[in-house]
């Protein structure tokens, strides 16, 4: 699987990826479970088709928000927090905090 080098990650691509509610749901889940480092794709119960779920993960991977690796037959996902924090200090924490505030204001919009 192709992953962009840290230097190739672009702000506009990251913001585009985070603008989709399903992708934001994936990122929030990964951020909440960062202690485990990696989560299998099967952990994410998105209310979309399998092909659409695959698309969302591909967008997140190709823009540099997540790292994917196969462990046996499972595709594991991890947030690229170190890369994002180095390139865009405070961005990920700000977006996650804003998403939590929005959820409190509007209710659970995770799909």
Protein backbone atom coordinates (compact mmCIF):
# COMPACT_ATOMS: atom_id res chain seq x y z
CA UNK A 1 0.00 0.00 0.00
CA UNK A 2 1.21 3.46 -0.87
CA UNK A 3 1.60 5.99 1.91
CA UNK A 4 2.86 9.53 1.36
CA UNK A 5 6.17 10.49 2.91
CA UNK A 6 5.83 12.98 5.75
CA UNK A 7 7.19 15.78 3.54
CA UNK A 8 4.54 15.09 0.89
CA UNK A 9 1.51 15.43 3.18
CA UNK A 10 -0.46 18.53 2.21
CA UNK A 11 -2.73 20.54 4.49
CA UNK A 12 -5.52 20.87 1.92
CA UNK A 13 -5.60 17.07 1.42
CA UNK A 14 -5.78 16.45 5.17
CA UNK A 15 -8.57 19.01 5.59
CA UNK A 16 -10.47 17.50 2.66
CA UNK A 17 -10.21 14.03 4.19
CA UNK A 18 -11.39 15.28 7.57
CA UNK A 19 -14.36 17.11 6.04
CA UNK A 20 -16.28 13.87 5.48
CA UNK A 21 -18.34 12.66 8.48
CA UNK A 22 -17.47 8.97 7.94
CA UNK A 23 -13.76 9.67 7.67
CA UNK A 24 -13.93 11.96 10.72
CA UNK A 25 -15.62 9.10 12.57
CA UNK A 26 -12.69 6.82 11.72
CA UNK A 27 -10.15 9.42 12.86
CA UNK A 28 -12.03 10.09 16.11
CA UNK A 29 -12.18 6.37 16.86
CA UNK A 30 -8.45 5.97 16.17
CA UNK A 31 -7.67 8.98 18.36
CA UNK A 32 -9.80 7.60 21.21
CA UNK A 33 -8.01 4.25 20.97
CA UNK A 34 -4.47 5.52 20.40
CA UNK A 35 -3.13 3.46 23.30
CA UNK A 36 -3.76 0.30 21.26
CA UNK A 37 -1.92 1.92 18.33
CA UNK A 38 -3.64 -0.11 15.60
CA UNK A 39 -7.25 -1.08 14.92
CA UNK A 40 -8.53 -3.53 12.37
CA UNK A 41 -10.88 -2.28 9.66
CA UNK A 42 -13.53 -4.65 11.08
CA UNK A 43 -13.66 -2.56 14.29
CA UNK A 44 -15.27 0.33 12.40
CA UNK A 45 -19.00 -0.18 11.99
CA UNK A 46 -19.70 2.50 9.41
CA UNK A 47 -23.27 2.76 8.07
CA UNK A 48 -22.10 2.54 4.46
CA UNK A 49 -21.31 -0.26 2.03
CA UNK A 50 -18.06 -2.19 2.23
CA UNK A 51 -16.80 -0.57 -0.98
CA UNK A 52 -17.55 2.90 0.38
CA UNK A 53 -15.78 2.04 3.63
CA UNK A 54 -12.76 0.91 1.61
CA UNK A 55 -12.85 4.21 -0.28
CA UNK A 56 -12.87 6.22 2.96
CA UNK A 57 -9.87 4.32 4.32
CA UNK A 58 -8.02 4.80 1.03
CA UNK A 59 -8.61 8.56 1.10
CA UNK A 60 -7.34 8.76 4.70
CA UNK A 61 -4.27 6.68 3.82
CA UNK A 62 -3.42 8.50 0.59
CA UNK A 63 -3.60 11.95 2.21
CA UNK A 64 -1.40 10.85 5.12
CA UNK A 65 -3.89 10.84 7.99
CA UNK A 66 -3.63 7.10 8.68
CA UNK A 67 -1.11 4.33 8.17
CA UNK A 68 -2.37 0.90 7.08
CA UNK A 69 -0.52 -2.39 7.33
CA UNK A 70 -1.52 -6.01 6.94
CA UNK A 71 -1.13 -8.21 10.00
CA UNK A 72 -1.93 -11.65 8.67
CA UNK A 73 -5.22 -11.21 6.86
CA UNK A 74 -6.31 -8.16 8.87
CA UNK A 75 -5.71 -4.65 7.60
CA UNK A 76 -4.66 -2.58 10.60
CA UNK A 77 -5.03 1.18 10.86
CA UNK A 78 -3.15 3.73 12.93
CA UNK A 79 -3.36 7.49 13.12
CA UNK A 80 -0.25 9.26 11.84
CA UNK A 81 -0.34 11.66 14.77
CA UNK A 82 3.42 12.23 14.95
CA UNK A 83 3.58 13.19 11.29
CA UNK A 84 0.49 15.41 11.44
CA UNK A 85 1.63 17.11 14.66
CA UNK A 86 5.09 17.76 13.20
CA UNK A 87 3.70 19.27 10.01
CA UNK A 88 0.62 21.04 11.37
CA UNK A 89 1.08 21.61 15.12
CA UNK A 90 -2.21 21.57 16.99
CA UNK A 91 -4.35 20.84 13.93
CA UNK A 92 -5.42 17.32 14.83
CA UNK A 93 -6.17 18.19 18.46
CA UNK A 94 -8.14 21.28 17.36
CA UNK A 95 -10.20 19.34 14.83
CA UNK A 96 -10.90 16.53 17.33
CA UNK A 97 -11.91 19.06 20.01
CA UNK A 98 -14.18 20.90 17.56
CA UNK A 99 -15.80 17.61 16.52
CA UNK A 100 -16.48 16.75 20.17
CA UNK A 101 -18.01 20.21 20.76
CA UNK A 102 -20.15 19.86 17.67
CA UNK A 103 -21.35 16.44 18.80
CA UNK A 104 -22.34 17.95 22.15
CA UNK A 105 -24.17 20.78 20.40
CA UNK A 106 -25.87 18.85 17.60
CA UNK A 107 -25.88 15.26 18.87
CA UNK A 108 -23.99 12.27 17.55
CA UNK A 109 -23.45 12.94 13.83
CA UNK A 110 -21.15 9.96 13.37
CA UNK A 111 -23.54 8.40 10.94
